[in-house]
Structures are given as C-alpha cells and as structure tokens.
PDB file of all heavy atoms in Angstrom:
ATOM      1  N   TYR A   1       0.831  -1.214   0.000  1.00  0.00           N
ATOM      2  CA  TYR A   1       0.000   0.000   0.000  1.00  0.00           C
ATOM      3  C   TYR A   1       0.861   1.259   0.000  1.00  0.00           C
ATOM      4  O   TYR A   1       0.471   2.277  -0.540  1.00  0.00           O
ATOM      5  CB  TYR A   1      -0.909   0.022   1.234  1.00  0.00           C
ATOM      6  CG  TYR A   1      -2.035  -0.967   1.119  1.00  0.00           C
ATOM      7  CD1 TYR A   1      -2.058  -2.125   1.876  1.00  0.00           C
ATOM      8  CD2 TYR A   1      -3.069  -0.742   0.223  1.00  0.00           C
ATOM      9  CE1 TYR A   1      -3.094  -3.035   1.755  1.00  0.00           C
ATOM     10  CE2 TYR A   1      -4.111  -1.639   0.093  1.00  0.00           C
ATOM     11  CZ  TYR A   1      -4.117  -2.783   0.859  1.00  0.00           C
ATOM     12  OH  TYR A   1      -5.135  -3.678   0.733  1.00  0.00           O
ATOM     13  N   ALA A   2       2.003   1.202   0.679  1.00  0.00           N
ATOM     14  CA  ALA A   2       2.827   2.406   0.758  1.00  0.00           C
ATOM     15  C   ALA A   2       4.290   1.985   0.812  1.00  0.00           C
ATOM     16  O   ALA A   2       4.618   0.910   1.320  1.00  0.00           O
ATOM     17  CB  ALA A   2       2.463   3.212   2.007  1.00  0.00           C
ATOM     18  N   GLY A   3       5.164   2.869   0.300  1.00  0.00           N
ATOM     19  CA  GLY A   3       6.596   2.602   0.413  1.00  0.00           C
ATOM     20  C   GLY A   3       7.121   1.669  -0.666  1.00  0.00           C
ATOM     21  O   GLY A   3       6.445   1.367  -1.643  1.00  0.00           O
ATOM     22  N   LYS A   4       8.368   1.212  -0.439  1.00  0.00           N
ATOM     23  CA  LYS A   4       9.035   0.327  -1.412  1.00  0.00           C
ATOM     24  C   LYS A   4       9.515  -0.920  -0.683  1.00  0.00           C
ATOM     25  O   LYS A   4       9.742  -0.892   0.521  1.00  0.00           O
ATOM     26  CB  LYS A   4      10.258   1.026  -2.016  1.00  0.00           C
ATOM     27  CG  LYS A   4       9.976   2.265  -2.833  1.00  0.00           C
ATOM     28  CD  LYS A   4      11.265   2.711  -3.540  1.00  0.00           C
ATOM     29  CE  LYS A   4      11.068   3.948  -4.401  1.00  0.00           C
ATOM     30  NZ  LYS A   4      10.923   5.183  -3.635  1.00  0.00           N
ATOM     31  N   MET A   5       9.696  -1.992  -1.435  1.00  0.00           N
ATOM     32  CA  MET A   5      10.236  -3.220  -0.854  1.00  0.00           C
ATOM     33  C   MET A   5      11.322  -3.721  -1.792  1.00  0.00           C
ATOM     34  O   MET A   5      11.091  -3.836  -2.999  1.00  0.00           O
ATOM     35  CB  MET A   5       9.103  -4.255  -0.742  1.00  0.00           C
ATOM     36  CG  MET A   5       9.434  -5.450   0.111  1.00  0.00           C
ATOM     37  SD  MET A   5       8.124  -6.686   0.036  1.00  0.00           S
ATOM     38  CE  MET A   5       7.102  -6.196   1.374  1.00  0.00           C
ATOM     39  N   LYS A   6      12.514  -3.949  -1.230  1.00  0.00           N
ATOM     40  CA  LYS A   6      13.624  -4.395  -2.074  1.00  0.00           C
ATOM     41  C   LYS A   6      14.161  -5.724  -1.557  1.00  0.00           C
ATOM     42  O   LYS A   6      14.044  -6.049  -0.378  1.00  0.00           O
ATOM     43  CB  LYS A   6      14.748  -3.347  -2.079  1.00  0.00           C
ATOM     44  CG  LYS A   6      14.384  -2.082  -2.837  1.00  0.00           C
ATOM     45  CD  LYS A   6      15.598  -1.237  -3.152  1.00  0.00           C
ATOM     46  CE  LYS A   6      16.099  -0.422  -1.968  1.00  0.00           C
ATOM     47  NZ  LYS A   6      15.090   0.557  -1.490  1.00  0.00           N
ATOM     48  N   LYS A   7      14.781  -6.463  -2.458  1.00  0.00           N
ATOM     49  CA  LYS A   7      15.413  -7.726  -2.087  1.00  0.00           C
ATOM     50  C   LYS A   7      16.453  -7.444  -1.008  1.00  0.00           C
ATOM     51  O   LYS A   7      17.232  -6.486  -1.118  1.00  0.00           O
ATOM     52  CB  LYS A   7      16.097  -8.273  -3.337  1.00  0.00           C
ATOM     53  CG  LYS A   7      16.179  -9.759  -3.407  1.00  0.00           C
ATOM     54  CD  LYS A   7      16.546 -10.143  -4.827  1.00  0.00           C
ATOM     55  CE  LYS A   7      17.354 -11.413  -4.803  1.00  0.00           C
ATOM     56  NZ  LYS A   7      17.650 -11.877  -6.136  1.00  0.00           N
ATOM     57  N   GLY A   8      16.467  -8.236   0.055  1.00  0.00           N
ATOM     58  CA  GLY A   8      17.462  -8.039   1.111  1.00  0.00           C
ATOM     59  C   GLY A   8      17.011  -7.113   2.232  1.00  0.00           C
ATOM     60  O   GLY A   8      17.666  -6.995   3.258  1.00  0.00           O
ATOM     61  N   ASP A   9      15.842  -6.435   2.049  1.00  0.00           N
ATOM     62  CA  ASP A   9      15.332  -5.562   3.120  1.00  0.00           C
ATOM     63  C   ASP A   9      14.925  -6.379   4.339  1.00  0.00           C
ATOM     64  O   ASP A   9      14.508  -7.531   4.216  1.00  0.00           O
ATOM     65  CB  ASP A   9      14.058  -4.817   2.645  1.00  0.00           C
ATOM     66  CG  ASP A   9      14.405  -3.606   1.790  1.00  0.00           C
ATOM     67  OD1 ASP A   9      15.609  -3.368   1.611  1.00  0.00           O
ATOM     68  OD2 ASP A   9      13.489  -2.924   1.307  1.00  0.00           O
ATOM     69  N   THR A  10      15.017  -5.747   5.516  1.00  0.00           N
ATOM     70  CA  THR A  10      14.452  -6.367   6.719  1.00  0.00           C
ATOM     71  C   THR A  10      13.136  -5.667   7.020  1.00  0.00           C
ATOM     72  O   THR A  10      13.080  -4.443   7.084  1.00  0.00           O
ATOM     73  CB  THR A  10      15.417  -6.211   7.911  1.00  0.00           C
ATOM     74  OG1 THR A  10      16.624  -6.885   7.573  1.00  0.00           O
ATOM     75  CG2 THR A  10      14.832  -6.836   9.167  1.00  0.00           C
ATOM     76  N   ILE A  11      12.077  -6.464   7.177  1.00  0.00           N
ATOM     77  CA  ILE A  11      10.764  -5.862   7.445  1.00  0.00           C
ATOM     78  C   ILE A  11      10.208  -6.433   8.741  1.00  0.00           C
ATOM     79  O   ILE A  11      10.637  -7.486   9.198  1.00  0.00           O
ATOM     80  CB  ILE A  11       9.777  -6.126   6.291  1.00  0.00           C
ATOM     81  CG1 ILE A  11       9.676  -7.634   6.051  1.00  0.00           C
ATOM     82  CG2 ILE A  11      10.164  -5.405   5.035  1.00  0.00           C
ATOM     83  CD1 ILE A  11       8.482  -8.020   5.247  1.00  0.00           C
ATOM     84  N   LEU A  12       9.220  -5.725   9.298  1.00  0.00           N
ATOM     85  CA  LEU A  12       8.617  -6.153  10.565  1.00  0.00           C
ATOM     86  C   LEU A  12       7.215  -6.697  10.302  1.00  0.00           C
ATOM     87  O   LEU A  12       6.445  -6.101   9.551  1.00  0.00           O
ATOM     88  CB  LEU A  12       8.528  -4.948  11.514  1.00  0.00           C
ATOM     89  CG  LEU A  12       7.785  -5.180  12.836  1.00  0.00           C
ATOM     90  CD1 LEU A  12       8.617  -6.055  13.767  1.00  0.00           C
ATOM     91  CD2 LEU A  12       7.480  -3.859  13.535  1.00  0.00           C
ATOM     92  N   ASN A  13       6.914  -7.837  10.925  1.00  0.00           N
ATOM     93  CA  ASN A  13       5.542  -8.356  10.893  1.00  0.00           C
ATOM     94  C   ASN A  13       4.871  -7.860  12.175  1.00  0.00           C
ATOM     95  O   ASN A  13       5.182  -8.334  13.265  1.00  0.00           O
ATOM     96  CB  ASN A  13       5.589  -9.889  10.838  1.00  0.00           C
ATOM     97  CG  ASN A  13       4.214 -10.504  10.905  1.00  0.00           C
ATOM     98  OD1 ASN A  13       3.222  -9.827  11.181  1.00  0.00           O
ATOM     99  ND2 ASN A  13       4.145 -11.795  10.656  1.00  0.00           N
ATOM    100  N   SER A  14       3.947  -6.900  12.044  1.00  0.00           N
ATOM    101  CA  SER A  14       3.417  -6.265  13.259  1.00  0.00           C
ATOM    102  C   SER A  14       2.507  -7.208  14.059  1.00  0.00           C
ATOM    103  O   SER A  14       2.227  -6.964  15.219  1.00  0.00           O
ATOM    104  CB  SER A  14       2.678  -4.969  12.915  1.00  0.00           C
ATOM    105  OG  SER A  14       1.517  -5.272  12.197  1.00  0.00           O
ATOM    106  N   ALA A  15       2.054  -8.306  13.437  1.00  0.00           N
ATOM    107  CA  ALA A  15       1.191  -9.244  14.174  1.00  0.00           C
ATOM    108  C   ALA A  15       2.004 -10.100  15.139  1.00  0.00           C
ATOM    109  O   ALA A  15       1.553 -10.436  16.228  1.00  0.00           O
ATOM    110  CB  ALA A  15       0.436 -10.134  13.193  1.00  0.00           C
ATOM    111  N   THR A  16       3.243 -10.452  14.734  1.00  0.00           N
ATOM    112  CA  THR A  16       4.063 -11.327  15.595  1.00  0.00           C
ATOM    113  C   THR A  16       5.159 -10.552  16.312  1.00  0.00           C
ATOM    114  O   THR A  16       5.760 -11.049  17.265  1.00  0.00           O
ATOM    115  CB  THR A  16       4.743 -12.428  14.747  1.00  0.00           C
ATOM    116  OG1 THR A  16       5.580 -11.778  13.769  1.00  0.00           O
ATOM    117  CG2 THR A  16       3.730 -13.302  14.043  1.00  0.00           C
ATOM    118  N   GLY A  17       5.436  -9.310  15.825  1.00  0.00           N
ATOM    119  CA  GLY A  17       6.529  -8.536  16.433  1.00  0.00           C
ATOM    120  C   GLY A  17       7.909  -9.010  15.982  1.00  0.00           C
ATOM    121  O   GLY A  17       8.930  -8.552  16.490  1.00  0.00           O
ATOM    122  N   LYS A  18       7.955  -9.949  15.017  1.00  0.00           N
ATOM    123  CA  LYS A  18       9.249 -10.478  14.543  1.00  0.00           C
ATOM    124  C   LYS A  18       9.626  -9.818  13.216  1.00  0.00           C
ATOM    125  O   LYS A  18       8.765  -9.419  12.439  1.00  0.00           O
ATOM    126  CB  LYS A  18       9.160 -11.995  14.330  1.00  0.00           C
ATOM    127  CG  LYS A  18       8.907 -12.789  15.612  1.00  0.00           C
ATOM    128  CD  LYS A  18       9.171 -14.276  15.359  1.00  0.00           C
ATOM    129  CE  LYS A  18       9.191 -15.068  16.654  1.00  0.00           C
ATOM    130  NZ  LYS A  18       7.882 -15.520  17.081  1.00  0.00           N
ATOM    131  N   THR A  19      10.934  -9.733  12.993  1.00  0.00           N
ATOM    132  CA  THR A  19      11.371  -9.189  11.698  1.00  0.00           C
ATOM    133  C   THR A  19      11.718 -10.348  10.762  1.00  0.00           C
ATOM    134  O   THR A  19      12.069 -11.434  11.206  1.00  0.00           O
ATOM    135  CB  THR A  19      12.614  -8.288  11.853  1.00  0.00           C
ATOM    136  OG1 THR A  19      13.610  -9.041  12.536  1.00  0.00           O
ATOM    137  CG2 THR A  19      12.301  -7.037  12.631  1.00  0.00           C
ATOM    138  N   GLU A  20      11.611 -10.079   9.464  1.00  0.00           N
ATOM    139  CA  GLU A  20      11.988 -11.081   8.459  1.00  0.00           C
ATOM    140  C   GLU A  20      12.775 -10.381   7.367  1.00  0.00           C
ATOM    141  O   GLU A  20      12.570  -9.198   7.097  1.00  0.00           O
ATOM    142  CB  GLU A  20      10.735 -11.705   7.830  1.00  0.00           C
ATOM    143  CG  GLU A  20       9.891 -12.464   8.814  1.00  0.00           C
ATOM    144  CD  GLU A  20       9.315 -13.752   8.214  1.00  0.00           C
ATOM    145  OE1 GLU A  20       9.820 -14.210   7.172  1.00  0.00           O
ATOM    146  OE2 GLU A  20       8.392 -14.301   8.822  1.00  0.00           O
ATOM    147  N   ARG A  21      13.645 -11.166   6.722  1.00  0.00           N
ATOM    148  CA  ARG A  21      14.420 -10.597   5.628  1.00  0.00           C
ATOM    149  C   ARG A  21      13.766 -11.022   4.310  1.00  0.00           C
ATOM    150  O   ARG A  21      13.359 -12.166   4.157  1.00  0.00           O
ATOM    151  CB  ARG A  21      15.858 -11.136   5.714  1.00  0.00           C
ATOM    152  CG  ARG A  21      16.823 -10.402   4.823  1.00  0.00           C
ATOM    153  CD  ARG A  21      18.272 -10.726   5.210  1.00  0.00           C
ATOM    154  NE  ARG A  21      19.181 -10.255   4.183  1.00  0.00           N
ATOM    155  CZ  ARG A  21      19.400 -10.922   3.045  1.00  0.00           C
ATOM    156  NH1 ARG A  21      18.797 -12.068   2.836  1.00  0.00           N
ATOM    157  NH2 ARG A  21      20.225 -10.432   2.135  1.00  0.00           N
ATOM    158  N   ILE A  22      13.668 -10.067   3.391  1.00  0.00           N
ATOM    159  CA  ILE A  22      13.071 -10.390   2.089  1.00  0.00           C
ATOM    160  C   ILE A  22      14.122 -11.095   1.237  1.00  0.00           C
ATOM    161  O   ILE A  22      15.164 -10.519   0.921  1.00  0.00           O
ATOM    162  CB  ILE A  22      12.622  -9.094   1.358  1.00  0.00           C
ATOM    163  CG1 ILE A  22      11.603  -8.336   2.202  1.00  0.00           C
ATOM    164  CG2 ILE A  22      12.060  -9.417  -0.015  1.00  0.00           C
ATOM    165  CD1 ILE A  22      10.236  -8.916   2.244  1.00  0.00           C
ATOM    166  N   GLY A  23      13.825 -12.332   0.872  1.00  0.00           N
ATOM    167  CA  GLY A  23      14.747 -13.082   0.004  1.00  0.00           C
ATOM    168  C   GLY A  23      14.361 -12.836  -1.441  1.00  0.00           C
ATOM    169  O   GLY A  23      14.488 -11.741  -1.963  1.00  0.00           O
ATOM    170  N   ARG A  24      13.792 -13.884  -2.065  1.00  0.00           N
ATOM    171  CA  ARG A  24      13.411 -13.726  -3.480  1.00  0.00           C
ATOM    172  C   ARG A  24      12.023 -13.106  -3.602  1.00  0.00           C
ATOM    173  O   ARG A  24      11.101 -13.475  -2.910  1.00  0.00           O
ATOM    174  CB  ARG A  24      13.411 -15.096  -4.161  1.00  0.00           C
ATOM    175  CG  ARG A  24      14.802 -15.662  -4.327  1.00  0.00           C
ATOM    176  CD  ARG A  24      14.758 -17.114  -4.749  1.00  0.00           C
ATOM    177  NE  ARG A  24      13.920 -17.302  -5.917  1.00  0.00           N
ATOM    178  CZ  ARG A  24      13.217 -18.415  -6.141  1.00  0.00           C
ATOM    179  NH1 ARG A  24      13.252 -19.392  -5.272  1.00  0.00           N
ATOM    180  NH2 ARG A  24      12.481 -18.545  -7.225  1.00  0.00           N
ATOM    181  N   MET A  25      11.922 -12.129  -4.512  1.00  0.00           N
ATOM    182  CA  MET A  25      10.616 -11.529  -4.813  1.00  0.00           C
ATOM    183  C   MET A  25      10.250 -11.881  -6.244  1.00  0.00           C
ATOM    184  O   MET A  25      11.109 -11.875  -7.128  1.00  0.00           O
ATOM    185  CB  MET A  25      10.699  -9.996  -4.693  1.00  0.00           C
ATOM    186  CG  MET A  25      10.838  -9.527  -3.265  1.00  0.00           C
ATOM    187  SD  MET A  25      11.432  -7.839  -3.185  1.00  0.00           S
ATOM    188  CE  MET A  25      10.171  -6.968  -4.042  1.00  0.00           C
ATOM    189  N   VAL A  26       8.975 -12.207  -6.469  1.00  0.00           N
ATOM    190  CA  VAL A  26       8.570 -12.593  -7.822  1.00  0.00           C
ATOM    191  C   VAL A  26       7.275 -11.899  -8.212  1.00  0.00           C
ATOM    192  O   VAL A  26       6.449 -11.571  -7.370  1.00  0.00           O
ATOM    193  CB  VAL A  26       8.380 -14.129  -7.950  1.00  0.00           C
ATOM    194  CG1 VAL A  26       9.687 -14.859  -7.853  1.00  0.00           C
ATOM    195  CG2 VAL A  26       7.413 -14.659  -6.910  1.00  0.00           C
ATOM    196  N   GLU A  27       7.146 -11.698  -9.537  1.00  0.00           N
ATOM    197  CA  GLU A  27       5.893 -11.189 -10.082  1.00  0.00           C
ATOM    198  C   GLU A  27       5.193 -12.419 -10.637  1.00  0.00           C
ATOM    199  O   GLU A  27       5.800 -13.207 -11.349  1.00  0.00           O
ATOM    200  CB  GLU A  27       6.267 -10.231 -11.210  1.00  0.00           C
ATOM    201  CG  GLU A  27       5.135  -9.561 -11.897  1.00  0.00           C
ATOM    202  CD  GLU A  27       5.679  -8.748 -13.071  1.00  0.00           C
ATOM    203  OE1 GLU A  27       6.141  -7.626 -12.836  1.00  0.00           O
ATOM    204  OE2 GLU A  27       5.663  -9.269 -14.205  1.00  0.00           O
ATOM    205  N   MET A  28       3.922 -12.606 -10.288  1.00  0.00           N
ATOM    206  CA  MET A  28       3.260 -13.861 -10.633  1.00  0.00           C
ATOM    207  C   MET A  28       2.552 -13.785 -11.980  1.00  0.00           C
ATOM    208  O   MET A  28       1.978 -12.771 -12.347  1.00  0.00           O
ATOM    209  CB  MET A  28       2.206 -14.194  -9.563  1.00  0.00           C
ATOM    210  CG  MET A  28       2.787 -14.454  -8.208  1.00  0.00           C
ATOM    211  SD  MET A  28       3.968 -15.803  -8.226  1.00  0.00           S
ATOM    212  CE  MET A  28       2.899 -17.183  -8.643  1.00  0.00           C
ATOM    213  N   HIS A  29       2.607 -14.917 -12.703  1.00  0.00           N
ATOM    214  CA  HIS A  29       1.705 -15.094 -13.839  1.00  0.00           C
ATOM    215  C   HIS A  29       1.112 -16.484 -13.661  1.00  0.00           C
ATOM    216  O   HIS A  29       1.691 -17.474 -14.100  1.00  0.00           O
ATOM    217  CB  HIS A  29       2.460 -14.975 -15.157  1.00  0.00           C
ATOM    218  CG  HIS A  29       1.581 -15.269 -16.345  1.00  0.00           C
ATOM    219  ND1 HIS A  29       0.371 -14.626 -16.515  1.00  0.00           N
ATOM    220  CD2 HIS A  29       1.684 -16.144 -17.372  1.00  0.00           C
ATOM    221  CE1 HIS A  29      -0.203 -15.093 -17.627  1.00  0.00           C
ATOM    222  NE2 HIS A  29       0.567 -16.016 -18.144  1.00  0.00           N
ATOM    223  N   ALA A  30      -0.032 -16.545 -12.927  1.00  0.00           N
ATOM    224  CA  ALA A  30      -0.630 -17.833 -12.520  1.00  0.00           C
ATOM    225  C   ALA A  30       0.431 -18.653 -11.785  1.00  0.00           C
ATOM    226  O   ALA A  30       0.878 -18.242 -10.730  1.00  0.00           O
ATOM    227  CB  ALA A  30      -1.229 -18.553 -13.702  1.00  0.00           C
ATOM    228  N   ASN A  31       0.893 -19.809 -12.360  1.00  0.00           N
ATOM    229  CA  ASN A  31       1.912 -20.547 -11.594  1.00  0.00           C
ATOM    230  C   ASN A  31       3.314 -20.384 -12.184  1.00  0.00           C
ATOM    231  O   ASN A  31       4.230 -21.118 -11.842  1.00  0.00           O
ATOM    232  CB  ASN A  31       1.550 -22.029 -11.461  1.00  0.00           C
ATOM    233  CG  ASN A  31       1.442 -22.698 -12.817  1.00  0.00           C
ATOM    234  OD1 ASN A  31       1.290 -22.012 -13.820  1.00  0.00           O
ATOM    235  ND2 ASN A  31       1.504 -24.006 -12.847  1.00  0.00           N
ATOM    236  N   ASP A  32       3.505 -19.419 -13.093  1.00  0.00           N
ATOM    237  CA  ASP A  32       4.860 -19.066 -13.529  1.00  0.00           C
ATOM    238  C   ASP A  32       5.257 -17.793 -12.805  1.00  0.00           C
ATOM    239  O   ASP A  32       4.420 -17.096 -12.281  1.00  0.00           O
ATOM    240  CB  ASP A  32       4.894 -18.790 -15.043  1.00  0.00           C
ATOM    241  CG  ASP A  32       4.667 -20.080 -15.813  1.00  0.00           C
ATOM    242  OD1 ASP A  32       4.956 -21.142 -15.230  1.00  0.00           O
ATOM    243  OD2 ASP A  32       4.183 -20.014 -16.951  1.00  0.00           O
ATOM    244  N   ARG A  33       6.556 -17.515 -12.802  1.00  0.00           N
ATOM    245  CA  ARG A  33       6.948 -16.304 -12.079  1.00  0.00           C
ATOM    246  C   ARG A  33       8.150 -15.638 -12.737  1.00  0.00           C
ATOM    247  O   ARG A  33       8.964 -16.284 -13.373  1.00  0.00           O
ATOM    248  CB  ARG A  33       7.297 -16.667 -10.644  1.00  0.00           C
ATOM    249  CG  ARG A  33       8.504 -17.542 -10.550  1.00  0.00           C
ATOM    250  CD  ARG A  33       8.405 -18.728  -9.651  1.00  0.00           C
ATOM    251  NE  ARG A  33       7.104 -19.239  -9.458  1.00  0.00           N
ATOM    252  CZ  ARG A  33       6.643 -19.627  -8.292  1.00  0.00           C
ATOM    253  NH1 ARG A  33       7.392 -19.545  -7.237  1.00  0.00           N
ATOM    254  NH2 ARG A  33       5.471 -20.135  -8.167  1.00  0.00           N
ATOM    255  N   ASN A  34       8.251 -14.327 -12.554  1.00  0.00           N
ATOM    256  CA  ASN A  34       9.438 -13.586 -12.991  1.00  0.00           C
ATOM    257  C   ASN A  34      10.102 -13.020 -11.760  1.00  0.00           C
ATOM    258  O   ASN A  34       9.451 -12.390 -10.934  1.00  0.00           O
ATOM    259  CB  ASN A  34       9.049 -12.392 -13.888  1.00  0.00           C
ATOM    260  CG  ASN A  34       8.240 -12.841 -15.078  1.00  0.00           C
ATOM    261  OD1 ASN A  34       8.504 -13.902 -15.609  1.00  0.00           O
ATOM    262  ND2 ASN A  34       7.250 -12.048 -15.469  1.00  0.00           N
ATOM    263  N   GLU A  35      11.407 -13.220 -11.638  1.00  0.00           N
ATOM    264  CA  GLU A  35      12.144 -12.674 -10.484  1.00  0.00           C
ATOM    265  C   GLU A  35      12.203 -11.149 -10.613  1.00  0.00           C
ATOM    266  O   GLU A  35      12.434 -10.622 -11.701  1.00  0.00           O
ATOM    267  CB  GLU A  35      13.586 -13.210 -10.494  1.00  0.00           C
ATOM    268  CG  GLU A  35      13.691 -14.706 -10.266  1.00  0.00           C
ATOM    269  CD  GLU A  35      13.935 -15.045  -8.807  1.00  0.00           C
ATOM    270  OE1 GLU A  35      14.320 -14.149  -8.037  1.00  0.00           O
ATOM    271  OE2 GLU A  35      13.723 -16.207  -8.444  1.00  0.00           O
ATOM    272  N   ILE A  36      12.002 -10.442  -9.495  1.00  0.00           N
ATOM    273  CA  ILE A  36      12.172  -8.987  -9.522  1.00  0.00           C
ATOM    274  C   ILE A  36      13.026  -8.574  -8.317  1.00  0.00           C
ATOM    275  O   ILE A  36      13.152  -9.336  -7.353  1.00  0.00           O
ATOM    276  CB  ILE A  36      10.812  -8.237  -9.477  1.00  0.00           C
ATOM    277  CG1 ILE A  36       9.942  -8.752  -8.312  1.00  0.00           C
ATOM    278  CG2 ILE A  36      10.064  -8.372 -10.771  1.00  0.00           C
ATOM    279  CD1 ILE A  36       8.658  -7.983  -8.127  1.00  0.00           C
ATOM    280  N   ASP A  37      13.634  -7.384  -8.390  1.00  0.00           N
ATOM    281  CA  ASP A  37      14.514  -6.935  -7.295  1.00  0.00           C
ATOM    282  C   ASP A  37      13.820  -5.956  -6.369  1.00  0.00           C
ATOM    283  O   ASP A  37      14.214  -5.786  -5.224  1.00  0.00           O
ATOM    284  CB  ASP A  37      15.773  -6.265  -7.873  1.00  0.00           C
ATOM    285  CG  ASP A  37      16.647  -7.295  -8.577  1.00  0.00           C
ATOM    286  OD1 ASP A  37      16.594  -8.468  -8.168  1.00  0.00           O
ATOM    287  OD2 ASP A  37      17.339  -6.926  -9.542  1.00  0.00           O
ATOM    288  N   SER A  38      12.799  -5.256  -6.885  1.00  0.00           N
ATOM    289  CA  SER A  38      12.134  -4.291  -6.001  1.00  0.00           C
ATOM    290  C   SER A  38      10.687  -4.127  -6.445  1.00  0.00           C
ATOM    291  O   SER A  38      10.333  -4.435  -7.582  1.00  0.00           O
ATOM    292  CB  SER A  38      12.840  -2.938  -6.062  1.00  0.00           C
ATOM    293  OG  SER A  38      12.655  -2.382  -7.347  1.00  0.00           O
ATOM    294  N   ALA A  39       9.869  -3.658  -5.507  1.00  0.00           N
ATOM    295  CA  ALA A  39       8.463  -3.387  -5.810  1.00  0.00           C
ATOM    296  C   ALA A  39       8.069  -2.173  -5.000  1.00  0.00           C
ATOM    297  O   ALA A  39       8.775  -1.785  -4.068  1.00  0.00           O
ATOM    298  CB  ALA A  39       7.616  -4.583  -5.433  1.00  0.00           C
ATOM    299  N   GLN A  40       6.922  -1.567  -5.361  1.00  0.00           N
ATOM    300  CA  GLN A  40       6.553  -0.333  -4.672  1.00  0.00           C
ATOM    301  C   GLN A  40       5.042  -0.256  -4.477  1.00  0.00           C
ATOM    302  O   GLN A  40       4.313  -1.140  -4.919  1.00  0.00           O
ATOM    303  CB  GLN A  40       7.022   0.854  -5.495  1.00  0.00           C
ATOM    304  CG  GLN A  40       6.350   0.850  -6.859  1.00  0.00           C
ATOM    305  CD  GLN A  40       6.354   2.201  -7.511  1.00  0.00           C
ATOM    306  OE1 GLN A  40       7.140   3.047  -7.188  1.00  0.00           O
ATOM    307  NE2 GLN A  40       5.450   2.414  -8.445  1.00  0.00           N
TER     308      GLN A  40
END
C-alpha cells in the first residue's frame, strides 16, 4: 500500500513482532513467475 520493498530488506511483521528478511521476490503469472529486485 505504501513505500518500497527491495530484495534483502528487513521488514517487521506487526502481528508477531518479529522481523523477516526479504529473500526472493517474484511477479506472478498464474503458476509461472518472474524474479524482480524491487516493488513499490
């Protein structure tokens, strides 16, 4: 909804209070995918 997300970023899951690192990000086409480095 807001901001940017890049491969390797550390993000917070506000429901669990734990952080996670973004590994691979993909753009979906049904069950195929294209690797991407950032999204916004």
